[in-house]
Amino acid sequence: MTFKFKFSKINEPYLNIKANDLENARLDVSNAGFELQEIWHAENAHSHETWKDSASLDHVRFNVIPQNNVIQQNNIASEDVDDETCHPEDASRQDVIDELLSVWLELHEIRNHLTAVPDEDYFYKFQKELTPLDRFWQKVSETKELKEADPEEWHFIVNDCVDETVFAFYELSHDDRLAIVH
């Protein structure tokens, strides 16, 4: 009897790659069936990339080691230097709040630009959908206004013996008429 245990991957596998060798590593990984999922930049420096295999759902992270002349001149090992570039510092609470506010303001401006309604309260009011009976009574009032506004036109289009309510009922859609009769 054999047992198979599945443990969750807490840390995804990573490779430390020099910036000069990044393009070759990208080609190798993409030829292996991986797709680029995300690219991280910290303080205008390329810090790491995450690649994902769509078939096996495996992840690989490339920690990009920048090529600095200072490091090469002093012969310092790259493993001692790449801690800052591999793990960017988390944003503070104030940074997150500032970013959320700026995104909200941008979305607010886009909405104002795309909508022609100047009243801000219009967007926050709940508008109840009209029932078939409400639409019927609205049509009845429109028909009465039409008849009172120009009786000659009413007589020309519709015979005088037709009531406004009957005319309004047949102006409704078939589904609305069925809902009212039901």
N, C-alpha and C. Protein backbone atom coordinates (compact mmCIF):
# COMPACT_ATOMS: atom_id res chain seq x y z
N MET A 1 0.85 -1.17 0.00
CA MET A 1 0.00 0.00 0.00
C MET A 1 0.90 1.24 0.00
N THR A 2 0.58 2.17 -0.88
CA THR A 2 1.39 3.39 -0.95
C THR A 2 0.51 4.57 -0.60
N PHE A 3 1.11 5.55 0.02
CA PHE A 3 0.44 6.78 0.38
C PHE A 3 1.05 7.93 -0.41
N LYS A 4 0.20 8.84 -0.79
CA LYS A 4 0.69 10.01 -1.50
C LYS A 4 0.20 11.23 -0.74
N PHE A 5 1.14 12.02 -0.27
CA PHE A 5 0.81 13.21 0.48
C PHE A 5 1.02 14.43 -0.40
N LYS A 6 0.11 15.38 -0.28
CA LYS A 6 0.24 16.64 -1.00
C LYS A 6 0.44 17.75 0.02
N PHE A 7 1.55 18.42 -0.07
CA PHE A 7 1.82 19.54 0.80
C PHE A 7 1.74 20.81 -0.03
N SER A 8 1.19 21.86 0.55
CA SER A 8 1.09 23.11 -0.21
C SER A 8 2.47 23.73 -0.33
N LYS A 9 2.66 24.39 -1.45
CA LYS A 9 3.93 25.06 -1.67
C LYS A 9 3.87 26.43 -1.02
N ILE A 10 4.64 26.61 0.01
CA ILE A 10 4.66 27.90 0.69
C ILE A 10 5.56 28.86 -0.08
N ASN A 11 6.72 28.39 -0.45
CA ASN A 11 7.66 29.23 -1.21
C ASN A 11 7.76 28.69 -2.63
N GLU A 12 7.54 29.56 -3.59
CA GLU A 12 7.67 29.12 -4.97
C GLU A 12 9.15 29.07 -5.32
N PRO A 13 9.54 28.18 -6.22
CA PRO A 13 10.95 28.08 -6.59
C PRO A 13 11.42 29.36 -7.27
N TYR A 14 12.67 29.72 -7.05
CA TYR A 14 13.19 30.93 -7.65
C TYR A 14 14.60 30.70 -8.17
N LEU A 15 14.96 31.53 -9.12
CA LEU A 15 16.30 31.51 -9.70
C LEU A 15 16.85 32.92 -9.66
N ASN A 16 18.11 33.06 -9.22
CA ASN A 16 18.77 34.35 -9.25
C ASN A 16 19.45 34.48 -10.60
N ILE A 17 19.05 35.50 -11.37
CA ILE A 17 19.54 35.67 -12.73
C ILE A 17 20.09 37.08 -12.88
N LYS A 18 21.26 37.18 -13.49
CA LYS A 18 21.85 38.49 -13.75
C LYS A 18 21.06 39.18 -14.86
N ALA A 19 21.04 40.48 -14.83
CA ALA A 19 20.26 41.25 -15.79
C ALA A 19 20.71 40.98 -17.22
N ASN A 20 21.99 40.69 -17.43
CA ASN A 20 22.48 40.42 -18.78
C ASN A 20 21.96 39.08 -19.32
N ASP A 21 21.73 38.12 -18.43
CA ASP A 21 21.29 36.79 -18.83
C ASP A 21 19.77 36.63 -18.82
N LEU A 22 19.05 37.69 -18.53
CA LEU A 22 17.59 37.61 -18.37
C LEU A 22 16.90 37.21 -19.68
N GLU A 23 17.34 37.77 -20.79
CA GLU A 23 16.67 37.48 -22.07
C GLU A 23 16.80 36.00 -22.44
N ASN A 24 17.98 35.42 -22.23
CA ASN A 24 18.18 34.00 -22.53
C ASN A 24 17.32 33.12 -21.62
N ALA A 25 17.22 33.50 -20.35
CA ALA A 25 16.39 32.74 -19.41
C ALA A 25 14.92 32.82 -19.80
N ARG A 26 14.50 33.99 -20.27
CA ARG A 26 13.11 34.14 -20.72
C ARG A 26 12.81 33.21 -21.90
N LEU A 27 13.73 33.17 -22.85
CA LEU A 27 13.52 32.31 -24.01
C LEU A 27 13.47 30.83 -23.61
N ASP A 28 14.36 30.43 -22.71
CA ASP A 28 14.38 29.03 -22.27
C ASP A 28 13.08 28.65 -21.57
N VAL A 29 12.61 29.52 -20.70
CA VAL A 29 11.40 29.22 -19.94
C VAL A 29 10.17 29.25 -20.83
N SER A 30 10.11 30.19 -21.76
CA SER A 30 8.94 30.25 -22.65
C SER A 30 8.92 29.05 -23.59
N ASN A 31 10.09 28.56 -24.01
CA ASN A 31 10.15 27.35 -24.83
C ASN A 31 9.73 26.12 -24.05
N ALA A 32 9.87 26.17 -22.72
CA ALA A 32 9.47 25.05 -21.88
C ALA A 32 7.97 25.05 -21.59
N GLY A 33 7.24 26.05 -22.08
CA GLY A 33 5.78 26.07 -21.91
C GLY A 33 5.30 27.01 -20.82
N PHE A 34 6.17 27.82 -20.27
CA PHE A 34 5.77 28.77 -19.23
C PHE A 34 5.31 30.07 -19.87
N GLU A 35 4.43 30.77 -19.15
CA GLU A 35 3.93 32.07 -19.61
C GLU A 35 4.25 33.11 -18.54
N LEU A 36 4.57 34.32 -18.98
CA LEU A 36 4.88 35.40 -18.06
C LEU A 36 3.61 35.82 -17.33
N GLN A 37 3.66 35.82 -16.00
CA GLN A 37 2.50 36.18 -15.21
C GLN A 37 2.61 37.59 -14.64
N GLU A 38 3.79 37.97 -14.12
CA GLU A 38 3.94 39.32 -13.59
C GLU A 38 5.40 39.74 -13.62
N ILE A 39 5.59 41.07 -13.69
CA ILE A 39 6.91 41.67 -13.64
C ILE A 39 6.88 42.71 -12.52
N TRP A 40 7.85 42.65 -11.64
CA TRP A 40 7.92 43.58 -10.51
C TRP A 40 9.04 44.58 -10.76
N HIS A 41 8.74 45.85 -10.48
CA HIS A 41 9.73 46.92 -10.51
C HIS A 41 9.70 47.60 -9.15
N ALA A 42 10.86 47.78 -8.57
CA ALA A 42 10.96 48.49 -7.30
C ALA A 42 11.96 49.62 -7.46
N GLU A 43 11.50 50.84 -7.21
CA GLU A 43 12.34 52.03 -7.33
C GLU A 43 13.05 52.08 -8.67
N ASN A 44 12.27 51.98 -9.74
CA ASN A 44 12.76 52.06 -11.12
C ASN A 44 13.80 51.00 -11.47
N ALA A 45 13.84 49.92 -10.72
CA ALA A 45 14.75 48.82 -11.01
C ALA A 45 13.93 47.55 -11.16
N HIS A 46 14.28 46.76 -12.13
CA HIS A 46 13.59 45.49 -12.39
C HIS A 46 13.97 44.51 -11.27
N SER A 47 13.02 44.09 -10.44
CA SER A 47 13.38 43.27 -9.29
C SER A 47 13.13 41.78 -9.52
N HIS A 48 11.95 41.41 -10.02
CA HIS A 48 11.73 39.98 -10.31
C HIS A 48 10.57 39.77 -11.28
N GLU A 49 10.52 38.55 -11.84
CA GLU A 49 9.45 38.13 -12.75
C GLU A 49 8.90 36.81 -12.25
N THR A 50 7.60 36.59 -12.45
CA THR A 50 6.98 35.32 -12.10
C THR A 50 6.44 34.69 -13.39
N TRP A 51 6.79 33.43 -13.60
CA TRP A 51 6.36 32.68 -14.77
C TRP A 51 5.51 31.51 -14.31
N LYS A 52 4.50 31.15 -15.11
CA LYS A 52 3.56 30.09 -14.73
C LYS A 52 3.41 29.11 -15.89
N ASP A 53 3.43 27.82 -15.56
CA ASP A 53 3.17 26.77 -16.55
C ASP A 53 1.68 26.49 -16.54
N SER A 54 1.00 26.72 -17.67
CA SER A 54 -0.46 26.56 -17.70
C SER A 54 -0.88 25.10 -17.59
N ALA A 55 -0.02 24.18 -18.00
CA ALA A 55 -0.39 22.76 -17.94
C ALA A 55 -0.27 22.21 -16.52
N SER A 56 0.86 22.47 -15.87
CA SER A 56 1.08 21.88 -14.54
C SER A 56 0.84 22.87 -13.41
N LEU A 57 0.56 24.13 -13.73
CA LEU A 57 0.31 25.19 -12.76
C LEU A 57 1.51 25.44 -11.84
N ASP A 58 2.72 25.13 -12.33
CA ASP A 58 3.93 25.41 -11.57
C ASP A 58 4.32 26.86 -11.77
N HIS A 59 4.95 27.43 -10.74
CA HIS A 59 5.42 28.80 -10.78
C HIS A 59 6.93 28.82 -10.65
N VAL A 60 7.57 29.74 -11.36
CA VAL A 60 9.00 29.97 -11.23
C VAL A 60 9.20 31.47 -11.12
N ARG A 61 10.06 31.86 -10.19
CA ARG A 61 10.33 33.28 -9.99
C ARG A 61 11.79 33.55 -10.36
N PHE A 62 11.98 34.57 -11.20
CA PHE A 62 13.33 35.02 -11.55
C PHE A 62 13.65 36.25 -10.73
N ASN A 63 14.60 36.14 -9.82
CA ASN A 63 15.10 37.31 -9.09
C ASN A 63 16.18 37.94 -9.94
N VAL A 64 15.96 39.15 -10.40
CA VAL A 64 16.88 39.82 -11.31
C VAL A 64 17.93 40.55 -10.49
N ILE A 65 19.18 40.21 -10.75
CA ILE A 65 20.31 40.83 -10.06
C ILE A 65 20.86 41.92 -10.98
N PRO A 66 20.79 43.17 -10.54
CA PRO A 66 21.28 44.25 -11.40
C PRO A 66 22.79 44.20 -11.52
N GLN A 67 23.29 44.65 -12.66
CA GLN A 67 24.73 44.69 -12.90
C GLN A 67 25.23 46.10 -12.59
N ASN A 68 25.73 46.29 -11.40
CA ASN A 68 26.25 47.60 -10.98
C ASN A 68 27.76 47.59 -11.10
N ASN A 69 28.29 48.68 -11.58
CA ASN A 69 29.75 48.80 -11.69
C ASN A 69 30.42 48.75 -10.33
N VAL A 70 29.74 49.25 -9.32
CA VAL A 70 30.32 49.27 -7.98
C VAL A 70 30.51 47.85 -7.47
N ILE A 71 29.56 47.00 -7.72
CA ILE A 71 29.65 45.61 -7.26
C ILE A 71 30.77 44.89 -7.99
N GLN A 72 30.88 45.12 -9.30
CA GLN A 72 31.91 44.45 -10.08
C GLN A 72 33.30 44.92 -9.70
N GLN A 73 33.45 46.22 -9.40
CA GLN A 73 34.76 46.74 -9.06
C GLN A 73 35.23 46.24 -7.70
N ASN A 74 34.31 46.14 -6.76
CA ASN A 74 34.69 45.72 -5.42
C ASN A 74 34.68 44.21 -5.24
N ASN A 75 34.30 43.48 -6.29
CA ASN A 75 34.26 42.01 -6.26
C ASN A 75 33.41 41.48 -5.09
N ILE A 76 32.28 42.10 -4.89
CA ILE A 76 31.36 41.65 -3.86
C ILE A 76 30.46 40.59 -4.47
N ALA A 77 30.20 39.54 -3.73
CA ALA A 77 29.34 38.46 -4.23
C ALA A 77 27.93 38.98 -4.43
N SER A 78 27.29 38.56 -5.52
CA SER A 78 25.95 39.06 -5.83
C SER A 78 24.91 38.55 -4.84
N GLU A 79 25.16 37.45 -4.17
CA GLU A 79 24.20 36.93 -3.20
C GLU A 79 24.07 37.86 -2.00
N ASP A 80 25.14 38.63 -1.69
CA ASP A 80 25.08 39.55 -0.56
C ASP A 80 24.30 40.82 -0.89
N VAL A 81 24.18 41.14 -2.16
CA VAL A 81 23.58 42.40 -2.57
C VAL A 81 22.12 42.26 -2.96
N ASP A 82 21.69 41.11 -3.44
CA ASP A 82 20.38 41.01 -4.06
C ASP A 82 19.21 40.90 -3.09
N ASP A 83 19.43 40.98 -1.79
CA ASP A 83 18.32 40.88 -0.85
C ASP A 83 17.33 42.03 -1.02
N GLU A 84 17.83 43.24 -1.27
CA GLU A 84 16.92 44.38 -1.43
C GLU A 84 16.13 44.29 -2.73
N THR A 85 16.77 43.84 -3.80
CA THR A 85 16.09 43.80 -5.08
C THR A 85 15.16 42.61 -5.18
N CYS A 86 15.44 41.54 -4.48
CA CYS A 86 14.59 40.35 -4.56
C CYS A 86 13.30 40.51 -3.78
N HIS A 87 13.38 41.17 -2.66
CA HIS A 87 12.22 41.31 -1.80
C HIS A 87 11.94 42.80 -1.58
N PRO A 88 11.13 43.39 -2.45
CA PRO A 88 10.86 44.82 -2.29
C PRO A 88 10.13 45.10 -0.99
N GLU A 89 10.36 46.27 -0.46
CA GLU A 89 9.74 46.65 0.80
C GLU A 89 8.24 46.84 0.62
N ASP A 90 7.47 46.36 1.58
CA ASP A 90 6.02 46.50 1.50
C ASP A 90 5.63 47.95 1.63
N ALA A 91 4.51 48.29 1.01
CA ALA A 91 4.01 49.66 1.08
C ALA A 91 3.43 49.92 2.47
N SER A 92 3.55 51.14 2.91
CA SER A 92 2.97 51.51 4.20
C SER A 92 1.47 51.70 4.04
N ARG A 93 0.78 51.78 5.14
CA ARG A 93 -0.66 51.98 5.13
C ARG A 93 -1.01 53.29 4.44
N GLN A 94 -0.23 54.33 4.69
CA GLN A 94 -0.49 55.62 4.07
C GLN A 94 -0.31 55.56 2.56
N ASP A 95 0.68 54.79 2.08
CA ASP A 95 0.88 54.63 0.64
C ASP A 95 -0.33 53.96 0.00
N VAL A 96 -0.86 52.93 0.66
CA VAL A 96 -2.03 52.22 0.14
C VAL A 96 -3.24 53.14 0.10
N ILE A 97 -3.43 53.91 1.16
CA ILE A 97 -4.57 54.84 1.22
C ILE A 97 -4.44 55.90 0.14
N ASP A 98 -3.24 56.44 -0.04
CA ASP A 98 -3.03 57.45 -1.08
C ASP A 98 -3.32 56.88 -2.47
N GLU A 99 -2.88 55.66 -2.71
CA GLU A 99 -3.13 55.03 -4.01
C GLU A 99 -4.61 54.78 -4.23
N LEU A 100 -5.31 54.31 -3.20
CA LEU A 100 -6.75 54.08 -3.32
C LEU A 100 -7.49 55.38 -3.60
N LEU A 101 -7.10 56.45 -2.93
CA LEU A 101 -7.74 57.75 -3.17
C LEU A 101 -7.49 58.24 -4.58
N SER A 102 -6.29 58.08 -5.07
CA SER A 102 -6.01 58.55 -6.42
C SER A 102 -6.77 57.73 -7.45
N VAL A 103 -6.88 56.42 -7.23
CA VAL A 103 -7.65 55.57 -8.15
C VAL A 103 -9.12 55.96 -8.10
N TRP A 104 -9.64 56.22 -6.91
CA TRP A 104 -11.05 56.61 -6.77
C TRP A 104 -11.30 57.93 -7.49
N LEU A 105 -10.38 58.88 -7.33
CA LEU A 105 -10.56 60.17 -8.00
C LEU A 105 -10.50 60.03 -9.52
N GLU A 106 -9.62 59.18 -10.01
CA GLU A 106 -9.55 58.96 -11.45
C GLU A 106 -10.82 58.31 -11.98
N LEU A 107 -11.33 57.32 -11.26
CA LEU A 107 -12.58 56.68 -11.68
C LEU A 107 -13.74 57.66 -11.63
N HIS A 108 -13.74 58.51 -10.62
CA HIS A 108 -14.79 59.53 -10.48
C HIS A 108 -14.76 60.49 -11.68
N GLU A 109 -13.57 60.90 -12.09
CA GLU A 109 -13.44 61.78 -13.25
C GLU A 109 -13.88 61.09 -14.54
N ILE A 110 -13.55 59.83 -14.68
CA ILE A 110 -13.96 59.08 -15.87
C ILE A 110 -15.47 58.96 -15.92
N ARG A 111 -16.09 58.66 -14.77
CA ARG A 111 -17.55 58.55 -14.74
C ARG A 111 -18.20 59.89 -15.07
N ASN A 112 -17.67 60.98 -14.52
CA ASN A 112 -18.24 62.29 -14.80
C ASN A 112 -18.07 62.66 -16.27
N HIS A 113 -16.99 62.23 -16.85
CA HIS A 113 -16.76 62.53 -18.26
C HIS A 113 -17.72 61.75 -19.17
N LEU A 114 -17.99 60.51 -18.81
CA LEU A 114 -18.81 59.65 -19.66
C LEU A 114 -20.31 59.85 -19.46
N THR A 115 -20.72 60.44 -18.38
CA THR A 115 -22.14 60.63 -18.13
C THR A 115 -22.51 62.09 -18.35
N ALA A 116 -23.72 62.28 -18.82
CA ALA A 116 -24.18 63.64 -19.10
C ALA A 116 -25.02 64.20 -17.97
N VAL A 117 -25.24 63.43 -16.92
CA VAL A 117 -26.09 63.86 -15.82
C VAL A 117 -25.23 64.63 -14.81
N PRO A 118 -25.48 65.93 -14.63
CA PRO A 118 -24.64 66.70 -13.72
C PRO A 118 -24.97 66.47 -12.25
N ASP A 119 -26.15 65.94 -11.94
CA ASP A 119 -26.57 65.76 -10.56
C ASP A 119 -25.88 64.53 -9.97
N GLU A 120 -25.07 64.72 -8.95
CA GLU A 120 -24.31 63.61 -8.35
C GLU A 120 -25.23 62.65 -7.61
N ASP A 121 -26.31 63.15 -7.02
CA ASP A 121 -27.21 62.28 -6.27
C ASP A 121 -27.95 61.30 -7.17
N TYR A 122 -28.00 61.59 -8.46
CA TYR A 122 -28.68 60.71 -9.40
C TYR A 122 -28.09 59.30 -9.37
N PHE A 123 -26.79 59.18 -9.20
CA PHE A 123 -26.12 57.88 -9.25
C PHE A 123 -26.35 57.06 -7.99
N TYR A 124 -26.72 57.71 -6.90
CA TYR A 124 -26.85 57.01 -5.64
C TYR A 124 -28.30 56.71 -5.27
N LYS A 125 -29.23 57.19 -6.05
CA LYS A 125 -30.64 56.93 -5.78
C LYS A 125 -31.05 55.61 -6.39
N PHE A 126 -31.83 54.88 -5.67
CA PHE A 126 -32.34 53.60 -6.16
C PHE A 126 -33.56 53.87 -7.03
N GLN A 127 -33.51 53.40 -8.25
CA GLN A 127 -34.63 53.61 -9.16
C GLN A 127 -35.36 52.30 -9.34
N LYS A 128 -36.60 52.29 -8.89
CA LYS A 128 -37.42 51.10 -8.95
C LYS A 128 -37.94 50.90 -10.37
N GLU A 129 -37.88 49.67 -10.85
CA GLU A 129 -38.38 49.37 -12.19
C GLU A 129 -39.91 49.42 -12.18
N LEU A 130 -40.47 49.97 -13.24
CA LEU A 130 -41.92 50.09 -13.33
C LEU A 130 -42.55 48.72 -13.58
N THR A 131 -43.68 48.49 -12.91
CA THR A 131 -44.43 47.26 -13.13
C THR A 131 -45.28 47.43 -14.38
N PRO A 132 -45.80 46.34 -14.94
CA PRO A 132 -46.66 46.47 -16.12
C PRO A 132 -47.88 47.37 -15.86
N LEU A 133 -48.44 47.30 -14.67
CA LEU A 133 -49.60 48.14 -14.35
C LEU A 133 -49.20 49.62 -14.29
N ASP A 134 -48.01 49.91 -13.75
CA ASP A 134 -47.52 51.29 -13.73
C ASP A 134 -47.30 51.81 -15.14
N ARG A 135 -46.73 50.97 -16.00
CA ARG A 135 -46.53 51.37 -17.39
C ARG A 135 -47.88 51.62 -18.08
N PHE A 136 -48.88 50.81 -17.73
CA PHE A 136 -50.21 50.99 -18.31
C PHE A 136 -50.78 52.36 -17.93
N TRP A 137 -50.74 52.70 -16.64
CA TRP A 137 -51.31 53.97 -16.20
C TRP A 137 -50.50 55.15 -16.75
N GLN A 138 -49.21 54.96 -16.94
CA GLN A 138 -48.40 56.00 -17.56
C GLN A 138 -48.83 56.20 -19.01
N LYS A 139 -49.10 55.12 -19.74
CA LYS A 139 -49.58 55.22 -21.12
C LYS A 139 -50.95 55.88 -21.17
N VAL A 140 -51.81 55.56 -20.20
CA VAL A 140 -53.15 56.18 -20.16
C VAL A 140 -53.03 57.69 -20.01
N SER A 141 -52.15 58.14 -19.12
CA SER A 141 -52.01 59.60 -18.94
C SER A 141 -51.41 60.24 -20.19
N GLU A 142 -50.43 59.57 -20.85
CA GLU A 142 -49.88 60.10 -22.09
C GLU A 142 -50.95 60.18 -23.19
N THR A 143 -51.82 59.17 -23.24
CA THR A 143 -52.87 59.14 -24.25
C THR A 143 -53.89 60.25 -24.00
N LYS A 144 -54.24 60.47 -22.74
CA LYS A 144 -55.17 61.55 -22.42
C LYS A 144 -54.59 62.91 -22.79
N GLU A 145 -53.29 63.09 -22.53
CA GLU A 145 -52.64 64.35 -22.90
C GLU A 145 -52.64 64.53 -24.42
N LEU A 146 -52.40 63.44 -25.15
CA LEU A 146 -52.42 63.50 -26.60
C LEU A 146 -53.81 63.88 -27.12
N LYS A 147 -54.84 63.30 -26.50
CA LYS A 147 -56.21 63.58 -26.94
C LYS A 147 -56.60 65.03 -26.63
N GLU A 148 -56.19 65.52 -25.45
CA GLU A 148 -56.53 66.90 -25.07
C GLU A 148 -55.71 67.91 -25.85
N ALA A 149 -54.49 67.57 -26.21
CA ALA A 149 -53.62 68.52 -26.90
C ALA A 149 -54.10 68.80 -28.33
N ASP A 150 -54.53 67.76 -29.05
CA ASP A 150 -54.98 67.95 -30.43
C ASP A 150 -56.12 66.97 -30.71
N PRO A 151 -57.37 67.39 -30.44
CA PRO A 151 -58.50 66.48 -30.64
C PRO A 151 -58.72 66.10 -32.12
N GLU A 152 -58.36 66.98 -33.04
CA GLU A 152 -58.54 66.66 -34.46
C GLU A 152 -57.58 65.53 -34.88
N GLU A 153 -56.36 65.61 -34.41
CA GLU A 153 -55.40 64.54 -34.71
C GLU A 153 -55.87 63.23 -34.09
N TRP A 154 -56.38 63.30 -32.87
CA TRP A 154 -56.90 62.10 -32.20
C TRP A 154 -58.03 61.50 -33.03
N HIS A 155 -58.93 62.33 -33.50
CA HIS A 155 -60.06 61.85 -34.29
C HIS A 155 -59.57 61.27 -35.62
N PHE A 156 -58.51 61.84 -36.20
CA PHE A 156 -57.98 61.34 -37.45
C PHE A 156 -57.28 59.99 -37.26
N ILE A 157 -56.49 59.86 -36.20
CA ILE A 157 -55.73 58.62 -35.96
C ILE A 157 -56.62 57.54 -35.35
N VAL A 158 -57.39 57.94 -34.34
CA VAL A 158 -58.21 56.97 -33.60
C VAL A 158 -59.65 57.46 -33.63
N ASN A 159 -60.55 56.57 -33.75
CA ASN A 159 -61.96 56.93 -33.77
C ASN A 159 -62.36 57.46 -32.39
N ASP A 160 -63.35 58.38 -32.34
CA ASP A 160 -63.78 58.98 -31.08
C ASP A 160 -64.38 57.96 -30.12
N CYS A 161 -64.91 56.88 -30.65
CA CYS A 161 -65.55 55.91 -29.76
C CYS A 161 -64.54 55.05 -28.99
N VAL A 162 -63.24 55.11 -29.36
CA VAL A 162 -62.21 54.34 -28.66
C VAL A 162 -61.78 55.13 -27.44
N ASP A 163 -61.84 54.46 -26.29
CA ASP A 163 -61.46 55.09 -25.03
C ASP A 163 -59.93 55.16 -24.90
N GLU A 164 -59.44 56.13 -24.12
CA GLU A 164 -57.99 56.28 -23.92
C GLU A 164 -57.38 55.06 -23.25
N THR A 165 -58.11 54.44 -22.32
CA THR A 165 -57.57 53.29 -21.60
C THR A 165 -57.43 52.09 -22.54
N VAL A 166 -58.38 51.91 -23.46
CA VAL A 166 -58.30 50.80 -24.41
C VAL A 166 -57.13 51.03 -25.37
N PHE A 167 -57.01 52.27 -25.85
CA PHE A 167 -55.90 52.59 -26.75
C PHE A 167 -54.56 52.38 -26.05
N ALA A 168 -54.43 52.82 -24.80
CA ALA A 168 -53.19 52.67 -24.03
C ALA A 168 -52.88 51.20 -23.78
N PHE A 169 -53.93 50.40 -23.53
CA PHE A 169 -53.72 48.97 -23.29
C PHE A 169 -53.10 48.29 -24.51
N TYR A 170 -53.57 48.62 -25.69
CA TYR A 170 -53.04 48.00 -26.91
C TYR A 170 -51.71 48.61 -27.36
N GLU A 171 -51.32 49.72 -26.78
CA GLU A 171 -50.01 50.31 -27.04
C GLU A 171 -48.92 49.59 -26.23
N LEU A 172 -49.30 48.86 -25.19
CA LEU A 172 -48.33 48.14 -24.37
C LEU A 172 -47.77 46.94 -25.12
N SER A 173 -46.64 46.43 -24.62
CA SER A 173 -46.08 45.22 -25.23
C SER A 173 -46.97 44.02 -24.90
N HIS A 174 -46.78 42.97 -25.65
CA HIS A 174 -47.59 41.76 -25.46
C HIS A 174 -47.41 41.18 -24.05
N ASP A 175 -46.19 41.17 -23.57
CA ASP A 175 -45.92 40.63 -22.23
C ASP A 175 -46.59 41.46 -21.15
N ASP A 176 -46.56 42.78 -21.30
CA ASP A 176 -47.22 43.64 -20.32
C ASP A 176 -48.73 43.43 -20.32
N ARG A 177 -49.31 43.26 -21.50
CA ARG A 177 -50.76 43.00 -21.57
C ARG A 177 -51.10 41.69 -20.89
N LEU A 178 -50.29 40.66 -21.13
CA LEU A 178 -50.55 39.37 -20.46
C LEU A 178 -50.43 39.47 -18.96
N ALA A 179 -49.45 40.26 -18.48
CA ALA A 179 -49.27 40.42 -17.04
C ALA A 179 -50.45 41.16 -16.42
N ILE A 180 -51.01 42.14 -17.11
CA ILE A 180 -52.15 42.87 -16.57
C ILE A 180 -53.41 42.02 -16.58
N VAL A 181 -53.63 41.29 -17.65
CA VAL A 181 -54.83 40.45 -17.76
C VAL A 181 -54.76 39.28 -16.78
N HIS A 182 -53.58 38.80 -16.52
CA HIS A 182 -53.42 37.65 -15.63
C HIS A 182 -53.97 38.03 -14.27
